[in-house]
C-alpha atoms as a PDB file:
ATOM      1  CA  MET A   1     -20.202  -4.692 -10.203  1.00  0.00           C
ATOM      2  CA  PRO A   2     -19.781  -3.258  -6.692  1.00  0.00           C
ATOM      3  CA  ARG A   3     -16.276  -2.339  -5.654  1.00  0.00           C
ATOM      4  CA  VAL A   4     -14.808  -3.626  -2.394  1.00  0.00           C
ATOM      5  CA  THR A   5     -14.489  -0.820   0.148  1.00  0.00           C
ATOM      6  CA  ALA A   6     -11.030   0.350   1.174  1.00  0.00           C
ATOM      7  CA  GLU A   7     -11.589  -0.785   4.756  1.00  0.00           C
ATOM      8  CA  LEU A   8     -12.666  -4.301   3.745  1.00  0.00           C
ATOM      9  CA  TRP A   9      -9.747  -4.692   1.305  1.00  0.00           C
ATOM     10  CA  ILE A  10      -7.239  -3.604   3.983  1.00  0.00           C
ATOM     11  CA  LYS A  11      -8.677  -5.935   6.620  1.00  0.00           C
ATOM     12  CA  ALA A  12      -8.562  -8.865   4.186  1.00  0.00           C
ATOM     13  CA  HIS A  13      -5.008  -8.043   3.128  1.00  0.00           C
ATOM     14  CA  ILE A  14      -3.822  -7.817   6.736  1.00  0.00           C
ATOM     15  CA  ARG A  15      -5.336 -11.276   7.345  1.00  0.00           C
ATOM     16  CA  ARG A  16      -3.518 -12.634   4.254  1.00  0.00           C
ATOM     17  CA  CYS A  17      -0.233 -11.189   5.507  1.00  0.00           C
ATOM     18  CA  ASN A  18      -0.761 -12.484   9.054  1.00  0.00           C
ATOM     19  CA  ALA A  19      -1.404 -15.978   7.687  1.00  0.00           C
ATOM     20  CA  GLN A  20       2.085 -15.832   6.119  1.00  0.00           C
ATOM     21  CA  ALA A  21       3.669 -14.355   9.308  1.00  0.00           C
ATOM     22  CA  ILE A  22       4.210 -11.008   7.564  1.00  0.00           C
ATOM     23  CA  PRO A  23       3.559  -8.053   9.899  1.00  0.00           C
ATOM     24  CA  ALA A  24       1.062  -5.601   8.391  1.00  0.00           C
ATOM     25  CA  MET A  25      -0.699  -2.702  10.082  1.00  0.00           C
ATOM     26  CA  VAL A  26      -2.807   0.324   9.290  1.00  0.00           C
ATOM     27  CA  VAL A  27      -0.681   3.398   9.991  1.00  0.00           C
ATOM     28  CA  ARG A  28      -3.266   5.871   8.688  1.00  0.00           C
ATOM     29  CA  ARG A  29      -6.985   5.322   8.479  1.00  0.00           C
ATOM     30  CA  GLY A  30      -8.751   6.941   5.553  1.00  0.00           C
ATOM     31  CA  ASP A  31     -12.355   7.134   4.407  1.00  0.00           C
ATOM     32  CA  ASP A  32     -14.138   3.816   5.096  1.00  0.00           C
ATOM     33  CA  GLN A  33     -15.923   3.655   1.760  1.00  0.00           C
ATOM     34  CA  ALA A  34     -13.994   5.549  -0.868  1.00  0.00           C
ATOM     35  CA  GLY A  35     -10.510   6.181   0.506  1.00  0.00           C
ATOM     36  CA  ALA A  36      -7.586   5.382  -1.762  1.00  0.00           C
ATOM     37  CA  LEU A  37      -4.885   2.991  -0.547  1.00  0.00           C
ATOM     38  CA  ILE A  38      -1.111   3.298  -0.327  1.00  0.00           C
ATOM     39  CA  ILE A  39       1.066   0.387   0.745  1.00  0.00           C
ATOM     40  CA  LYS A  40       4.507   0.982   2.245  1.00  0.00           C
ATOM     41  CA  VAL A  41       6.654  -2.151   2.142  1.00  0.00           C
ATOM     42  CA  ASN A  42       9.441  -1.694   4.679  1.00  0.00           C
ATOM     43  CA  HIS A  43      12.389  -4.044   4.100  1.00  0.00           C
ATOM     44  CA  LEU A  44      13.667  -3.170   7.609  1.00  0.00           C
ATOM     45  CA  GLY A  45      17.067  -1.836   6.676  1.00  0.00           C
ATOM     46  CA  PRO A  46      17.736  -1.697   2.946  1.00  0.00           C
ATOM     47  CA  GLY A  47      14.827   0.677   2.323  1.00  0.00           C
ATOM     48  CA  CYS A  48      11.179   0.801   1.375  1.00  0.00           C
ATOM     49  CA  MET A  49       8.947   0.399  -1.632  1.00  0.00           C
ATOM     50  CA  VAL A  50       5.697   2.337  -1.967  1.00  0.00           C
ATOM     51  CA  LEU A  51       2.787   0.863  -3.907  1.00  0.00           C
ATOM     52  CA  ALA A  52       0.073   3.224  -5.118  1.00  0.00           C
ATOM     53  CA  PRO A  53      -3.155   2.526  -6.999  1.00  0.00           C
ATOM     54  CA  ALA A  54      -3.002   2.471 -10.779  1.00  0.00           C
ATOM     55  CA  ASN A  55      -5.845   2.896 -13.242  1.00  0.00           C
ATOM     56  CA  SER A  56      -6.873  -0.266 -15.036  1.00  0.00           C
ATOM     57  CA  MET A  57      -8.896  -0.476 -18.215  1.00  0.00           C
ATOM     58  CA  ASP A  58     -11.527  -2.746 -16.648  1.00  0.00           C
ATOM     59  CA  GLY A  59     -11.823  -0.944 -13.312  1.00  0.00           C
ATOM     60  CA  SER A  60     -10.082  -3.643 -11.271  1.00  0.00           C
ATOM     61  CA  ARG A  61      -7.595  -2.709  -8.555  1.00  0.00           C
ATOM     62  CA  GLN A  62      -3.991  -2.586  -9.757  1.00  0.00           C
ATOM     63  CA  TRP A  63      -0.815  -1.227  -8.222  1.00  0.00           C
ATOM     64  CA  ARG A  64       2.327   0.563  -9.404  1.00  0.00           C
ATOM     65  CA  ARG A  65       5.654   1.198  -7.759  1.00  0.00           C
ATOM     66  CA  ALA A  66       5.171   4.856  -6.885  1.00  0.00           C
ATOM     67  CA  MET A  67       8.862   5.655  -6.408  1.00  0.00           C
ATOM     68  CA  GLY A  68      10.462   3.499  -9.098  1.00  0.00           C
ATOM     69  CA  ASP A  69      11.900   0.005  -9.039  1.00  0.00           C
ATOM     70  CA  ASP A  70      14.649   0.645  -6.480  1.00  0.00           C
ATOM     71  CA  LEU A  71      14.163   0.756  -2.739  1.00  0.00           C
ATOM     72  CA  VAL A  72      14.254   4.226  -1.193  1.00  0.00           C
ATOM     73  CA  PRO A  73      15.181   5.328   2.334  1.00  0.00           C
ATOM     74  CA  GLU A  74      12.261   5.186   4.745  1.00  0.00           C
ATOM     75  CA  ALA A  75      12.313   8.983   5.193  1.00  0.00           C
ATOM     76  CA  GLU A  76      11.804   9.439   1.426  1.00  0.00           C
ATOM     77  CA  ALA A  77       8.944   6.938   1.403  1.00  0.00           C
ATOM     78  CA  ASP A  78       7.311   8.723   4.345  1.00  0.00           C
ATOM     79  CA  ALA A  79       7.746  12.120   2.644  1.00  0.00           C
ATOM     80  CA  TYR A  80       6.073  10.793  -0.534  1.00  0.00           C
ATOM     81  CA  ILE A  81       3.158   9.430   1.509  1.00  0.00           C
ATOM     82  CA  GLU A  82       2.827  12.731   3.394  1.00  0.00           C
ATOM     83  CA  ARG A  83       2.627  14.643   0.083  1.00  0.00           C
ATOM     84  CA  GLN A  84      -0.123  12.303  -1.088  1.00  0.00           C
ATOM     85  CA  LEU A  85      -2.010  12.803   2.189  1.00  0.00           C
ATOM     86  CA  ASN A  86      -1.777  16.573   1.748  1.00  0.00           C
ATOM     87  CA  MET A  87      -3.528  16.198  -1.621  1.00  0.00           C
ATOM     88  CA  ASP A  88      -6.071  13.601  -0.441  1.00  0.00           C
ATOM     89  CA  PRO A  89      -6.726  13.273   3.309  1.00  0.00           C
ATOM     90  CA  ASP A  90      -8.976  10.214   2.744  1.00  0.00           C
ATOM     91  CA  ILE A  91      -6.037   7.901   1.897  1.00  0.00           C
ATOM     92  CA  TRP A  92      -5.449   4.722   3.883  1.00  0.00           C
ATOM     93  CA  VAL A  93      -1.810   3.776   4.518  1.00  0.00           C
ATOM     94  CA  LEU A  94      -0.928   0.138   5.120  1.00  0.00           C
ATOM     95  CA  GLU A  95       2.615  -0.676   6.234  1.00  0.00           C
ATOM     96  CA  ILE A  96       4.028  -4.130   5.667  1.00  0.00           C
ATOM     97  CA  GLU A  97       7.327  -5.008   7.362  1.00  0.00           C
ATOM     98  CA  ASP A  98       9.284  -7.834   5.804  1.00  0.00           C
ATOM     99  CA  ARG A  99      13.039  -8.170   5.243  1.00  0.00           C
ATOM    100  CA  GLN A 100      12.333 -10.190   2.081  1.00  0.00           C
ATOM    101  CA  GLY A 101       9.943  -7.554   0.746  1.00  0.00           C
ATOM    102  CA  ARG A 102       6.932  -9.855   0.614  1.00  0.00           C
ATOM    103  CA  HIS A 103       3.709  -7.877   0.275  1.00  0.00           C
ATOM    104  CA  LEU A 104       1.261 -10.374  -1.294  1.00  0.00           C
ATOM    105  CA  VAL A 105       0.135  -7.853  -3.924  1.00  0.00           C
ATOM    106  CA  ASP A 106       0.010  -9.687  -7.247  1.00  0.00           C
ATOM    107  CA  ASP A 107      -1.375  -7.110  -9.636  1.00  0.00           C
ATOM    108  CA  ILE A 108       1.550  -4.672  -9.994  1.00  0.00           C
ATOM    109  CA  VAL A 109       1.723  -2.952 -13.376  1.00  0.00           C
ATOM    110  CA  GLU A 110       5.053  -1.974 -14.844  1.00  0.00           C
END
């Protein structure tokens, strides 16, 4: 089964967010075909949550909270993302800004 490209997934997710009046934007463009994705959910004050890809048994896209369950200061979230970019320059970074923390990602593994 062909996998959806990173670029297509991001464009579709931005459209989903926009339909719910949730601001979402690409802050770093990665490889169009095979780039990994990181999502930074900025709560605009209380902190941020970073979602990173997780391995699933069936190959489907899943997500994990990369920095734990608690919100972290934006500077810490940005530093984590920068470290990931240093290891893999093909990563896409999507930032979602929502005071309620809505991100429309349903498949988060614990």
